C-alpha atoms as a PDB file:
ATOM      1  CA  MET A   1     105.182 118.184 107.179  1.00  0.00           C
ATOM      2  CA  LYS A   2     107.261 120.734 105.900  1.00  0.00           C
ATOM      3  CA  ILE A   3     106.959 122.544 102.450  1.00  0.00           C
ATOM      4  CA  ALA A   4     109.678 124.917 101.468  1.00  0.00           C
ATOM      5  CA  GLY A   5     110.859 124.702 105.640  1.00  0.00           C
ATOM      6  CA  ARG A   6     107.697 126.224 106.344  1.00  0.00           C
ATOM      7  CA  PRO A   7     105.297 123.456 108.462  1.00  0.00           C
ATOM      8  CA  TYR A   8     101.702 123.005 107.439  1.00  0.00           C
ATOM      9  CA  ARG A   9      98.186 121.044 108.023  1.00  0.00           C
ATOM     10  CA  THR A  10      96.596 120.236 105.774  1.00  0.00           C
ATOM     11  CA  ILE A  11      93.779 122.193 106.774  1.00  0.00           C
ATOM     12  CA  TRP A  12      93.465 125.107 109.134  1.00  0.00           C
ATOM     13  CA  LEU A  13      91.503 127.874 110.797  1.00  0.00           C
ATOM     14  CA  ARG A  14      91.707 131.222 108.895  1.00  0.00           C
ATOM     15  CA  PRO A  15      91.986 134.181 111.664  1.00  0.00           C
ATOM     16  CA  ASP A  16      89.263 135.772 110.071  1.00  0.00           C
ATOM     17  CA  GLY A  17      86.421 132.331 110.571  1.00  0.00           C
ATOM     18  CA  ALA A  18      86.716 130.518 106.898  1.00  0.00           C
ATOM     19  CA  ILE A  19      88.881 127.782 106.458  1.00  0.00           C
ATOM     20  CA  GLU A  20      91.682 127.751 104.506  1.00  0.00           C
ATOM     21  CA  VAL A  21      93.105 124.209 102.739  1.00  0.00           C
ATOM     22  CA  ILE A  22      95.650 123.071 100.385  1.00  0.00           C
ATOM     23  CA  ASP A  23      94.637 122.505  96.785  1.00  0.00           C
ATOM     24  CA  GLN A  24      95.862 118.869  96.118  1.00  0.00           C
ATOM     25  CA  ALA A  25      94.338 119.567  92.310  1.00  0.00           C
ATOM     26  CA  ARG A  26      96.972 121.776  91.362  1.00  0.00           C
ATOM     27  CA  LEU A  27     100.245 120.178  93.055  1.00  0.00           C
ATOM     28  CA  PRO A  28     103.017 118.732  92.047  1.00  0.00           C
ATOM     29  CA  HIS A  29     103.207 121.701  89.695  1.00  0.00           C
ATOM     30  CA  GLU A  30     101.858 124.555  91.818  1.00  0.00           C
ATOM     31  CA  PHE A  31     101.629 125.005  95.495  1.00  0.00           C
ATOM     32  CA  VAL A  32      98.138 126.990  96.031  1.00  0.00           C
ATOM     33  CA  THR A  33      95.976 127.256  99.440  1.00  0.00           C
ATOM     34  CA  GLU A  34      92.037 127.600  98.927  1.00  0.00           C
ATOM     35  CA  VAL A  35      89.804 129.094 101.136  1.00  0.00           C
ATOM     36  CA  LEU A  36      86.947 127.601 102.381  1.00  0.00           C
ATOM     37  CA  ASN A  37      83.759 130.352 103.128  1.00  0.00           C
ATOM     38  CA  SER A  38      80.727 128.381 103.370  1.00  0.00           C
ATOM     39  CA  ALA A  39      79.559 124.316 103.690  1.00  0.00           C
ATOM     40  CA  ALA A  40      79.072 124.392 100.056  1.00  0.00           C
ATOM     41  CA  ASP A  41      82.512 124.799  98.943  1.00  0.00           C
ATOM     42  CA  CYS A  42      83.216 122.026 101.661  1.00  0.00           C
ATOM     43  CA  ALA A  43      81.134 119.552  99.766  1.00  0.00           C
ATOM     44  CA  ARG A  44      82.609 121.078  96.615  1.00  0.00           C
ATOM     45  CA  ALA A  45      86.065 121.315  97.747  1.00  0.00           C
ATOM     46  CA  ILE A  46      85.341 117.560  98.729  1.00  0.00           C
ATOM     47  CA  LYS A  47      83.936 116.547  95.357  1.00  0.00           C
ATOM     48  CA  THR A  48      86.522 117.871  93.071  1.00  0.00           C
ATOM     49  CA  MET A  49      89.322 116.144  94.645  1.00  0.00           C
ATOM     50  CA  VAL A  50      90.529 119.938  96.106  1.00  0.00           C
ATOM     51  CA  VAL A  51      90.985 117.835  99.265  1.00  0.00           C
ATOM     52  CA  ARG A  52      91.128 114.224  99.097  1.00  0.00           C
ATOM     53  CA  GLY A  53      92.004 111.273 102.056  1.00  0.00           C
ATOM     54  CA  ALA A  54      89.719 109.546 103.874  1.00  0.00           C
ATOM     55  CA  PRO A  55      90.708 111.869 107.729  1.00  0.00           C
ATOM     56  CA  LEU A  56      91.012 114.951 105.151  1.00  0.00           C
ATOM     57  CA  ILE A  57      88.106 114.489 103.698  1.00  0.00           C
ATOM     58  CA  GLY A  58      86.027 113.673 107.299  1.00  0.00           C
ATOM     59  CA  ALA A  59      87.910 116.756 108.511  1.00  0.00           C
ATOM     60  CA  THR A  60      86.891 119.117 105.696  1.00  0.00           C
ATOM     61  CA  ALA A  61      83.007 118.124 106.088  1.00  0.00           C
ATOM     62  CA  ALA A  62      83.048 118.634 109.964  1.00  0.00           C
ATOM     63  CA  TYR A  63      84.521 121.967 109.083  1.00  0.00           C
ATOM     64  CA  GLY A  64      81.664 122.465 106.315  1.00  0.00           C
ATOM     65  CA  VAL A  65      79.030 121.486 109.324  1.00  0.00           C
ATOM     66  CA  ALA A  66      80.471 124.245 111.368  1.00  0.00           C
ATOM     67  CA  LEU A  67      80.655 126.366 108.873  1.00  0.00           C
ATOM     68  CA  ALA A  68      77.121 126.015 108.138  1.00  0.00           C
ATOM     69  CA  MET A  69      76.018 126.558 111.415  1.00  0.00           C
ATOM     70  CA  ARG A  70      77.397 129.576 111.992  1.00  0.00           C
ATOM     71  CA  ALA A  71      74.865 130.913 109.160  1.00  0.00           C
ATOM     72  CA  ASP A  72      72.485 128.908 110.332  1.00  0.00           C
ATOM     73  CA  ALA A  73      72.002 126.585 113.301  1.00  0.00           C
ATOM     74  CA  SER A  74      68.376 125.218 112.919  1.00  0.00           C
ATOM     75  CA  ASP A  75      67.661 122.026 113.177  1.00  0.00           C
ATOM     76  CA  ALA A  76      66.918 122.108 109.089  1.00  0.00           C
ATOM     77  CA  ALA A  77      69.975 123.871 108.497  1.00  0.00           C
ATOM     78  CA  LEU A  78      72.231 120.819 110.402  1.00  0.00           C
ATOM     79  CA  THR A  79      70.264 118.371 108.752  1.00  0.00           C
ATOM     80  CA  ALA A  80      70.640 119.497 105.047  1.00  0.00           C
ATOM     81  CA  ALA A  81      74.127 120.603 105.723  1.00  0.00           C
ATOM     82  CA  ILE A  82      74.986 116.783 106.654  1.00  0.00           C
ATOM     83  CA  ALA A  83      73.411 115.422 103.838  1.00  0.00           C
ATOM     84  CA  MET A  84      74.706 117.564 101.281  1.00  0.00           C
ATOM     85  CA  LEU A  85      78.552 116.888 103.012  1.00  0.00           C
ATOM     86  CA  GLY A  86      77.463 112.733 103.071  1.00  0.00           C
ATOM     87  CA  ALA A  87      76.568 112.554  99.454  1.00  0.00           C
ATOM     88  CA  THR A  88      80.211 114.239  97.700  1.00  0.00           C
ATOM     89  CA  ARG A  89      82.036 110.876  98.298  1.00  0.00           C
ATOM     90  CA  PRO A  90      79.975 107.557  98.789  1.00  0.00           C
ATOM     91  CA  THR A  91      83.288 105.015  99.759  1.00  0.00           C
ATOM     92  CA  ALA A  92      85.344 106.534 102.089  1.00  0.00           C
ATOM     93  CA  VAL A  93      83.951 106.116 105.150  1.00  0.00           C
ATOM     94  CA  ASN A  94      85.956 108.388 107.610  1.00  0.00           C
ATOM     95  CA  LEU A  95      83.386 111.265 106.149  1.00  0.00           C
ATOM     96  CA  HIS A  96      80.229 109.985 107.643  1.00  0.00           C
ATOM     97  CA  TRP A  97      82.205 109.236 110.895  1.00  0.00           C
ATOM     98  CA  ALA A  98      82.388 112.610 111.094  1.00  0.00           C
ATOM     99  CA  LEU A  99      79.007 113.835 110.113  1.00  0.00           C
ATOM    100  CA  ARG A 100      77.369 111.647 112.576  1.00  0.00           C
ATOM    101  CA  ARG A 101      80.064 112.573 115.444  1.00  0.00           C
ATOM    102  CA  MET A 102      79.163 116.405 114.708  1.00  0.00           C
ATOM    103  CA  GLU A 103      75.810 115.430 114.645  1.00  0.00           C
ATOM    104  CA  ARG A 104      75.490 113.810 117.920  1.00  0.00           C
ATOM    105  CA  ALA A 105      77.524 117.334 119.532  1.00  0.00           C
ATOM    106  CA  LEU A 106      75.140 119.648 118.188  1.00  0.00           C
ATOM    107  CA  SER A 107      71.793 118.302 118.119  1.00  0.00           C
ATOM    108  CA  ARG A 108      71.487 118.572 122.080  1.00  0.00           C
ATOM    109  CA  LEU A 109      72.534 121.901 122.213  1.00  0.00           C
ATOM    110  CA  PRO A 110      70.641 124.709 122.173  1.00  0.00           C
ATOM    111  CA  VAL A 111      70.900 127.029 118.224  1.00  0.00           C
ATOM    112  CA  SER A 112      72.676 129.645 120.343  1.00  0.00           C
ATOM    113  CA  ALA A 113      75.653 127.268 121.277  1.00  0.00           C
ATOM    114  CA  ARG A 114      75.775 125.047 118.636  1.00  0.00           C
ATOM    115  CA  ALA A 115      78.226 127.811 116.264  1.00  0.00           C
ATOM    116  CA  ASP A 116      80.807 127.830 118.710  1.00  0.00           C
ATOM    117  CA  ALA A 117      80.632 124.337 119.403  1.00  0.00           C
ATOM    118  CA  ALA A 118      80.647 122.578 115.790  1.00  0.00           C
ATOM    119  CA  PHE A 119      84.294 125.577 115.618  1.00  0.00           C
ATOM    120  CA  VAL A 120      85.719 123.422 118.181  1.00  0.00           C
ATOM    121  CA  GLU A 121      84.419 119.818 117.306  1.00  0.00           C
ATOM    122  CA  ALA A 122      85.520 119.951 114.582  1.00  0.00           C
ATOM    123  CA  ALA A 123      89.104 121.334 115.223  1.00  0.00           C
ATOM    124  CA  ALA A 124      88.912 118.296 118.140  1.00  0.00           C
ATOM    125  CA  ILE A 125      88.526 116.119 115.056  1.00  0.00           C
ATOM    126  CA  CYS A 126      91.743 117.424 113.391  1.00  0.00           C
ATOM    127  CA  ASP A 127      93.824 117.181 116.707  1.00  0.00           C
ATOM    128  CA  GLU A 128      93.112 113.762 117.343  1.00  0.00           C
ATOM    129  CA  ASP A 129      93.822 112.691 113.439  1.00  0.00           C
ATOM    130  CA  VAL A 130      97.180 113.670 113.777  1.00  0.00           C
ATOM    131  CA  GLU A 131      97.735 112.481 116.926  1.00  0.00           C
ATOM    132  CA  VAL A 132      96.136 109.175 115.558  1.00  0.00           C
ATOM    133  CA  CYS A 133      98.310 108.954 112.435  1.00  0.00           C
ATOM    134  CA  ARG A 134     101.344 109.725 114.381  1.00  0.00           C
ATOM    135  CA  ARG A 135     100.679 106.719 116.585  1.00  0.00           C
ATOM    136  CA  ILE A 136      99.960 104.952 113.918  1.00  0.00           C
ATOM    137  CA  GLY A 137     103.673 106.015 112.457  1.00  0.00           C
ATOM    138  CA  VAL A 138     104.805 104.186 115.905  1.00  0.00           C
ATOM    139  CA  HIS A 139     103.335 101.618 115.341  1.00  0.00           C
ATOM    140  CA  GLY A 140     104.835 100.895 111.680  1.00  0.00           C
ATOM    141  CA  LEU A 141     107.881 101.821 112.925  1.00  0.00           C
ATOM    142  CA  ALA A 142     108.293  98.841 114.579  1.00  0.00           C
ATOM    143  CA  CYS A 143     106.788  96.338 111.405  1.00  0.00           C
ATOM    144  CA  LEU A 144     110.093  98.386 109.768  1.00  0.00           C
ATOM    145  CA  LYS A 145     112.522  97.965 111.680  1.00  0.00           C
ATOM    146  CA  ALA A 146     111.764  93.968 112.420  1.00  0.00           C
ATOM    147  CA  ALA A 147     112.059  93.575 108.280  1.00  0.00           C
ATOM    148  CA  ALA A 148     115.333  95.792 108.420  1.00  0.00           C
ATOM    149  CA  ALA A 149     116.642  93.653 110.555  1.00  0.00           C
ATOM    150  CA  THR A 150     116.420  90.769 108.959  1.00  0.00           C
ATOM    151  CA  LYS A 151     118.428  92.190 105.677  1.00  0.00           C
ATOM    152  CA  SER A 152     122.922  92.525 105.638  1.00  0.00           C
ATOM    153  CA  ALA A 153     122.598  94.851 103.283  1.00  0.00           C
ATOM    154  CA  GLY A 154     121.088  97.961 101.532  1.00  0.00           C
ATOM    155  CA  PRO A 155     117.860  99.928 102.176  1.00  0.00           C
ATOM    156  CA  LEU A 156     114.061  98.992 103.197  1.00  0.00           C
ATOM    157  CA  ASN A 157     112.713  98.792 100.023  1.00  0.00           C
ATOM    158  CA  VAL A 158     108.732  99.450 100.891  1.00  0.00           C
ATOM    159  CA  LEU A 159     106.084  99.857  97.915  1.00  0.00           C
ATOM    160  CA  THR A 160     102.971 102.149  98.462  1.00  0.00           C
ATOM    161  CA  HIS A 161      99.984 102.721  96.191  1.00  0.00           C
ATOM    162  CA  CYS A 162      97.983 105.899  95.886  1.00  0.00           C
ATOM    163  CA  ASN A 163      98.610 108.674  99.181  1.00  0.00           C
ATOM    164  CA  ALA A 164      97.981 108.077 102.258  1.00  0.00           C
ATOM    165  CA  GLY A 165     100.663 110.809 102.912  1.00  0.00           C
ATOM    166  CA  TRP A 166      99.778 113.245 105.220  1.00  0.00           C
ATOM    167  CA  LEU A 167      98.513 115.463 102.729  1.00  0.00           C
ATOM    168  CA  ALA A 168      95.334 112.699 102.752  1.00  0.00           C
ATOM    169  CA  THR A 169      95.276 113.217 106.825  1.00  0.00           C
ATOM    170  CA  VAL A 170      95.321 116.567 108.874  1.00  0.00           C
ATOM    171  CA  ASP A 171      99.022 115.502 109.561  1.00  0.00           C
ATOM    172  CA  TRP A 172     101.918 112.412 109.259  1.00  0.00           C
ATOM    173  CA  GLY A 173      99.518 110.314 107.195  1.00  0.00           C
ATOM    174  CA  THR A 174      98.877 106.649 107.623  1.00  0.00           C
ATOM    175  CA  ALA A 175     100.847 105.424 105.397  1.00  0.00           C
ATOM    176  CA  LEU A 176     103.260 107.337 105.313  1.00  0.00           C
ATOM    177  CA  ALA A 177     103.594 107.811 109.086  1.00  0.00           C
ATOM    178  CA  PRO A 178     105.999 105.121 109.576  1.00  0.00           C
ATOM    179  CA  ILE A 179     107.704 106.029 106.261  1.00  0.00           C
ATOM    180  CA  TYR A 180     108.400 108.947 107.603  1.00  0.00           C
ATOM    181  CA  MET A 181     109.729 107.835 111.331  1.00  0.00           C
ATOM    182  CA  ALA A 182     111.865 106.211 110.118  1.00  0.00           C
ATOM    183  CA  HIS A 183     114.214 107.921 107.960  1.00  0.00           C
ATOM    184  CA  ASP A 184     114.184 110.311 110.474  1.00  0.00           C
ATOM    185  CA  ALA A 185     115.775 108.101 112.518  1.00  0.00           C
ATOM    186  CA  GLY A 186     118.138 107.240 110.098  1.00  0.00           C
ATOM    187  CA  LEU A 187     116.704 104.348 108.931  1.00  0.00           C
ATOM    188  CA  GLY A 188     117.804 103.209 105.782  1.00  0.00           C
ATOM    189  CA  VAL A 189     114.427 103.566 103.740  1.00  0.00           C
ATOM    190  CA  HIS A 190     113.461 103.715  99.825  1.00  0.00           C
ATOM    191  CA  VAL A 191     110.109 104.021  98.430  1.00  0.00           C
ATOM    192  CA  TRP A 192     109.054 102.550  95.070  1.00  0.00           C
ATOM    193  CA  VAL A 193     106.138 104.927  94.140  1.00  0.00           C
ATOM    194  CA  ASP A 194     103.329 103.860  92.072  1.00  0.00           C
ATOM    195  CA  GLU A 195     102.004 106.424  90.072  1.00  0.00           C
ATOM    196  CA  THR A 196      98.318 105.226  90.726  1.00  0.00           C
ATOM    197  CA  ARG A 197      95.954 106.049  87.434  1.00  0.00           C
ATOM    198  CA  PRO A 198      93.958 107.805  86.597  1.00  0.00           C
ATOM    199  CA  ARG A 199      94.358 110.353  88.812  1.00  0.00           C
ATOM    200  CA  ASN A 200      98.372 109.907  89.359  1.00  0.00           C
ATOM    201  CA  GLN A 201      98.237 110.881  93.833  1.00  0.00           C
ATOM    202  CA  GLY A 202     101.173 108.151  93.768  1.00  0.00           C
ATOM    203  CA  ALA A 203     103.423 109.899  91.457  1.00  0.00           C
ATOM    204  CA  SER A 204     102.188 113.922  92.067  1.00  0.00           C
ATOM    205  CA  LEU A 205     101.295 113.651  95.880  1.00  0.00           C
ATOM    206  CA  THR A 206     102.883 110.947  97.385  1.00  0.00           C
ATOM    207  CA  ALA A 207     106.450 111.659  95.771  1.00  0.00           C
ATOM    208  CA  TYR A 208     106.362 115.716  96.275  1.00  0.00           C
ATOM    209  CA  GLU A 209     105.711 114.682 100.082  1.00  0.00           C
ATOM    210  CA  LEU A 210     108.359 112.693 100.485  1.00  0.00           C
ATOM    211  CA  GLY A 211     110.056 114.199  98.113  1.00  0.00           C
ATOM    212  CA  ALA A 212     109.770 117.835  99.953  1.00  0.00           C
ATOM    213  CA  HIS A 213     110.667 115.961 103.039  1.00  0.00           C
ATOM    214  CA  GLY A 214     114.005 113.872 102.231  1.00  0.00           C
ATOM    215  CA  VAL A 215     112.830 110.232 101.510  1.00  0.00           C
ATOM    216  CA  PRO A 216     114.843 108.473  98.779  1.00  0.00           C
ATOM    217  CA  HIS A 217     111.942 107.346  96.433  1.00  0.00           C
ATOM    218  CA  THR A 218     111.491 106.189  92.660  1.00  0.00           C
ATOM    219  CA  ILE A 219     108.513 106.488  90.507  1.00  0.00           C
ATOM    220  CA  ILE A 220     107.059 103.397  89.110  1.00  0.00           C
ATOM    221  CA  ALA A 221     104.483 102.834  86.634  1.00  0.00           C
ATOM    222  CA  ASP A 222     101.256 100.844  88.270  1.00  0.00           C
ATOM    223  CA  ASN A 223     102.272  97.326  86.557  1.00  0.00           C
ATOM    224  CA  ALA A 224     105.611  97.166  87.624  1.00  0.00           C
ATOM    225  CA  GLY A 225     105.085  96.326  91.061  1.00  0.00           C
ATOM    226  CA  GLY A 226     104.958  92.285  90.170  1.00  0.00           C
ATOM    227  CA  HIS A 227     108.199  92.702  88.442  1.00  0.00           C
ATOM    228  CA  LEU A 228     110.265  94.442  91.352  1.00  0.00           C
ATOM    229  CA  MET A 229     108.863  92.360  93.946  1.00  0.00           C
ATOM    230  CA  GLN A 230     109.583  88.537  91.587  1.00  0.00           C
ATOM    231  CA  HIS A 231     113.360  89.992  91.429  1.00  0.00           C
ATOM    232  CA  GLY A 232     113.723  90.810  94.900  1.00  0.00           C
ATOM    233  CA  LYS A 233     113.592  93.959  95.094  1.00  0.00           C
ATOM    234  CA  VAL A 234     110.390  94.734  97.663  1.00  0.00           C
ATOM    235  CA  ASP A 235     110.952  94.058 100.744  1.00  0.00           C
ATOM    236  CA  LEU A 236     107.258  94.898 102.410  1.00  0.00           C
ATOM    237  CA  CYS A 237     103.904  96.604 100.688  1.00  0.00           C
ATOM    238  CA  ILE A 238     102.072  99.710 102.981  1.00  0.00           C
ATOM    239  CA  VAL A 239      98.927 101.513 102.142  1.00  0.00           C
ATOM    240  CA  GLY A 240      96.013 103.380 103.298  1.00  0.00           C
ATOM    241  CA  THR A 241      92.364 102.544 103.069  1.00  0.00           C
ATOM    242  CA  ASP A 242      89.045 104.125 102.745  1.00  0.00           C
ATOM    243  CA  ARG A 243      87.226 101.869 104.476  1.00  0.00           C
ATOM    244  CA  VAL A 244      87.512  98.263 106.376  1.00  0.00           C
ATOM    245  CA  THR A 245      84.981  96.358 106.918  1.00  0.00           C
ATOM    246  CA  ARG A 246      83.998  94.289 109.904  1.00  0.00           C
ATOM    247  CA  ASN A 247      85.993  91.125 108.472  1.00  0.00           C
ATOM    248  CA  GLY A 248      88.832  92.878 107.779  1.00  0.00           C
ATOM    249  CA  ASP A 249      88.545  93.073 103.813  1.00  0.00           C
ATOM    250  CA  VAL A 250      90.118  97.252 102.693  1.00  0.00           C
ATOM    251  CA  ALA A 251      88.542  99.304  99.724  1.00  0.00           C
ATOM    252  CA  ASN A 252      91.956 101.726  98.954  1.00  0.00           C
ATOM    253  CA  LYS A 253      92.451 102.946  95.586  1.00  0.00           C
ATOM    254  CA  ILE A 254      91.815 100.934  92.238  1.00  0.00           C
ATOM    255  CA  GLY A 255      95.375  98.862  91.414  1.00  0.00           C
ATOM    256  CA  THR A 256      95.215  98.158  95.121  1.00  0.00           C
ATOM    257  CA  TYR A 257      94.095  94.511  94.983  1.00  0.00           C
ATOM    258  CA  LEU A 258      97.159  93.927  91.874  1.00  0.00           C
ATOM    259  CA  LYS A 259      99.286  94.676  94.820  1.00  0.00           C
ATOM    260  CA  ALA A 260      98.216  92.381  96.946  1.00  0.00           C
ATOM    261  CA  LEU A 261      98.074  89.650  95.042  1.00  0.00           C
ATOM    262  CA  ALA A 262     101.472  89.814  93.746  1.00  0.00           C
ATOM    263  CA  ALA A 263     103.053  89.860  97.507  1.00  0.00           C
ATOM    264  CA  LYS A 264     101.470  87.398  98.479  1.00  0.00           C
ATOM    265  CA  ASP A 265     102.309  85.297  95.205  1.00  0.00           C
ATOM    266  CA  ASN A 266     105.658  86.437  96.085  1.00  0.00           C
ATOM    267  CA  ASP A 267     105.915  86.012  99.934  1.00  0.00           C
ATOM    268  CA  VAL A 268     105.987  89.973 100.067  1.00  0.00           C
ATOM    269  CA  PRO A 269     103.961  91.616 103.857  1.00  0.00           C
ATOM    270  CA  PHE A 270     101.429  93.049 102.347  1.00  0.00           C
ATOM    271  CA  TYR A 271     100.727  95.969 105.357  1.00  0.00           C
ATOM    272  CA  VAL A 272      97.673  98.132 106.019  1.00  0.00           C
ATOM    273  CA  ALA A 273      97.834 101.016 108.139  1.00  0.00           C
ATOM    274  CA  LEU A 274      94.408 102.740 109.228  1.00  0.00           C
ATOM    275  CA  PRO A 275      92.425 105.312 111.929  1.00  0.00           C
ATOM    276  CA  SER A 276      89.729 103.454 113.276  1.00  0.00           C
ATOM    277  CA  SER A 277      87.289 106.616 112.162  1.00  0.00           C
ATOM    278  CA  THR A 278      87.970 104.039 108.998  1.00  0.00           C
ATOM    279  CA  ILE A 279      86.655 101.496 110.124  1.00  0.00           C
ATOM    280  CA  ASP A 280      82.939 100.398 109.519  1.00  0.00           C
ATOM    281  CA  TRP A 281      81.653  97.954 112.081  1.00  0.00           C
ATOM    282  CA  GLN A 282      78.450  97.509 110.630  1.00  0.00           C
ATOM    283  CA  LEU A 283      79.655  96.493 107.075  1.00  0.00           C
ATOM    284  CA  ALA A 284      79.982  92.293 107.086  1.00  0.00           C
ATOM    285  CA  SER A 285      82.268  92.261 104.611  1.00  0.00           C
ATOM    286  CA  GLY A 286      83.725  94.438 101.227  1.00  0.00           C
ATOM    287  CA  ARG A 287      81.101  92.886  98.904  1.00  0.00           C
ATOM    288  CA  ASP A 288      78.616  95.582 100.493  1.00  0.00           C
ATOM    289  CA  ILE A 289      81.376  98.296 100.345  1.00  0.00           C
ATOM    290  CA  PRO A 290      79.388 100.907  97.590  1.00  0.00           C
ATOM    291  CA  ILE A 291      82.878 101.381  95.064  1.00  0.00           C
ATOM    292  CA  GLU A 292      82.523 105.349  93.229  1.00  0.00           C
ATOM    293  CA  GLU A 293      82.623 105.642  89.884  1.00  0.00           C
ATOM    294  CA  ARG A 294      83.764 108.611  88.804  1.00  0.00           C
ATOM    295  CA  SER A 295      84.194 110.721  86.101  1.00  0.00           C
ATOM    296  CA  ALA A 296      86.185 108.904  82.248  1.00  0.00           C
ATOM    297  CA  ASP A 297      87.504 112.485  81.310  1.00  0.00           C
ATOM    298  CA  GLU A 298      90.270 111.319  84.357  1.00  0.00           C
ATOM    299  CA  LEU A 299      91.388 108.774  82.982  1.00  0.00           C
ATOM    300  CA  LEU A 300      91.174 109.369  79.396  1.00  0.00           C
ATOM    301  CA  GLN A 301      93.044 112.760  79.268  1.00  0.00           C
ATOM    302  CA  MET A 302      96.237 113.804  82.025  1.00  0.00           C
ATOM    303  CA  THR A 303      97.313 117.214  83.448  1.00  0.00           C
ATOM    304  CA  GLY A 304     100.821 118.224  83.334  1.00  0.00           C
ATOM    305  CA  ARG A 305     103.620 120.757  82.841  1.00  0.00           C
ATOM    306  CA  LEU A 306     104.748 121.687  79.113  1.00  0.00           C
ATOM    307  CA  ALA A 307     108.312 122.043  78.117  1.00  0.00           C
ATOM    308  CA  ASN A 308     106.935 125.883  78.573  1.00  0.00           C
ATOM    309  CA  GLY A 309     106.575 125.893  82.157  1.00  0.00           C
ATOM    310  CA  ASP A 310     102.548 126.302  81.184  1.00  0.00           C
ATOM    311  CA  ILE A 311     100.710 123.663  83.167  1.00  0.00           C
ATOM    312  CA  ALA A 312      98.072 121.944  80.142  1.00  0.00           C
ATOM    313  CA  ARG A 313      95.889 119.450  80.297  1.00  0.00           C
ATOM    314  CA  VAL A 314      95.650 117.088  77.115  1.00  0.00           C
ATOM    315  CA  ALA A 315      93.735 113.988  76.148  1.00  0.00           C
ATOM    316  CA  ILE A 316      95.374 110.340  75.775  1.00  0.00           C
ATOM    317  CA  ALA A 317      93.107 108.023  74.296  1.00  0.00           C
ATOM    318  CA  ALA A 318      91.318 107.523  71.101  1.00  0.00           C
ATOM    319  CA  PRO A 319      89.043 109.792  70.415  1.00  0.00           C
ATOM    320  CA  GLY A 320      85.706 108.632  70.576  1.00  0.00           C
ATOM    321  CA  SER A 321      86.607 105.928  72.966  1.00  0.00           C
ATOM    322  CA  PRO A 322      84.501 105.716  75.984  1.00  0.00           C
ATOM    323  CA  GLY A 323      86.154 104.622  79.410  1.00  0.00           C
ATOM    324  CA  ALA A 324      85.490 102.998  82.785  1.00  0.00           C
ATOM    325  CA  ASN A 325      86.562 104.660  86.170  1.00  0.00           C
ATOM    326  CA  PRO A 326      85.921 102.629  89.375  1.00  0.00           C
ATOM    327  CA  ALA A 327      87.923 104.885  92.142  1.00  0.00           C
ATOM    328  CA  PHE A 328      88.294 101.735  94.207  1.00  0.00           C
ATOM    329  CA  ASP A 329      89.083  97.896  94.345  1.00  0.00           C
ATOM    330  CA  VAL A 330      88.463  95.834  97.624  1.00  0.00           C
ATOM    331  CA  THR A 331      90.968  93.455  98.666  1.00  0.00           C
ATOM    332  CA  PRO A 332      89.970  90.634 100.605  1.00  0.00           C
ATOM    333  CA  ALA A 333      91.315  90.052 104.236  1.00  0.00           C
ATOM    334  CA  ARG A 334      93.646  86.666 103.440  1.00  0.00           C
ATOM    335  CA  LEU A 335      96.021  88.355 101.466  1.00  0.00           C
ATOM    336  CA  ILE A 336      96.536  91.290 104.083  1.00  0.00           C
ATOM    337  CA  SER A 337      99.177  90.531 105.959  1.00  0.00           C
ATOM    338  CA  ALA A 338      98.208  92.700 109.314  1.00  0.00           C
ATOM    339  CA  PHE A 339      96.502  95.790 110.075  1.00  0.00           C
ATOM    340  CA  ILE A 340      98.908  98.737 111.706  1.00  0.00           C
ATOM    341  CA  THR A 341      96.331 101.366 113.733  1.00  0.00           C
ATOM    342  CA  GLU A 342      96.849 103.831 116.670  1.00  0.00           C
ATOM    343  CA  ARG A 343      96.291 101.008 118.807  1.00  0.00           C
ATOM    344  CA  GLY A 344      98.745  99.062 117.617  1.00  0.00           C
ATOM    345  CA  VAL A 345      99.282  95.833 115.118  1.00  0.00           C
ATOM    346  CA  CYS A 346      96.468  93.226 114.851  1.00  0.00           C
ATOM    347  CA  ALA A 347      95.878  90.203 111.892  1.00  0.00           C
ATOM    348  CA  ALA A 348      93.672  91.212 109.090  1.00  0.00           C
ATOM    349  CA  SER A 349      90.049  89.791 110.762  1.00  0.00           C
ATOM    350  CA  GLU A 350      87.280  90.874 112.958  1.00  0.00           C
ATOM    351  CA  GLU A 351      88.468  88.870 115.328  1.00  0.00           C
ATOM    352  CA  GLY A 352      92.103  90.530 115.158  1.00  0.00           C
ATOM    353  CA  LEU A 353      89.776  94.251 114.949  1.00  0.00           C
ATOM    354  CA  LYS A 354      88.247  93.380 118.334  1.00  0.00           C
ATOM    355  CA  SER A 355      91.314  92.851 120.203  1.00  0.00           C
ATOM    356  CA  LEU A 356      92.511  96.584 119.665  1.00  0.00           C
ATOM    357  CA  PHE A 357      88.842  98.254 119.389  1.00  0.00           C
ATOM    358  CA  PRO A 358      86.771  95.395 121.840  1.00  0.00           C
ATOM    359  CA  LYS A 359      84.340  98.757 122.422  1.00  0.00           C
ATOM    360  CA  GLU A 360      83.788 100.427 119.095  1.00  0.00           C
ATOM    361  CA  SER A 361      82.817  96.799 117.498  1.00  0.00           C
ATOM    362  CA  GLU A 362      80.177  96.704 120.171  1.00  0.00           C
END
């Protein structure tokens, strides 16, 4: 995708062998990139959400392993790097999917061949993610076209939560890929962007990238979605996910469950867009998903641009009040209209997932 007319991916290999990423903690007020020189740098970037979004976390972890192998390609160093990177974020399954893939690719190789092979494998993970997201966009576009065909007038109004655009992946995005394709194809589309407290990934990131691409959108308070649905102003919802269990339950940014409940009550289709790397075939249901509890400071403070242009972090809560900050919630499969994957659209159920991914489910 493009920023100020220049095409970007969210992560890339520099000529000097380091990894460069867009610092998403600085958006939307500053577009800054950060250079990662080691596995520890990659782990810190993941943990502090310089990079975020399940597919991008996996890609960053893969390059973290590659950087570790360049420094020391021994079995002990490989094990240590995978353990360190795997401990950064507990909920997104792509992280561990990418680390397992790197371990399988490298553990059978001689130590002398591991560094080069690691960079090749990490690059392949990134390139495959771009193609997977493009395919999600193609299949999701069909859903958007079908919904638009039922409208007599006006744009297709789509509500999304958190950020599942190209900033959350290597390129294209998951939930936003169909929206970009619809816009580029001339289909009138307007996006309701949940602010997504407490980190405001919707207001900060989704609105940023939609605006950069010229997609009409409006930022709304998190609690406004149900009201808009009641008044017929939402034609469909589409979100991404950090983990999908075997039965079709979905873990996504906190607040997704409430949107799904409102959509169900108002007969609004609720789609989840996901790459197959986000499916956790080992977990039977969403009750088994570990939910990350992040710092209360994310809830009690907020960063913004002051009238003079300075960036400041300010307290927004009553002094001394504690805060609880679960980062994700689980939406039961029964509330989801369908999954949009790189292989097509399927029911949100074990049978639906197996119909598209029979070998992976074995």
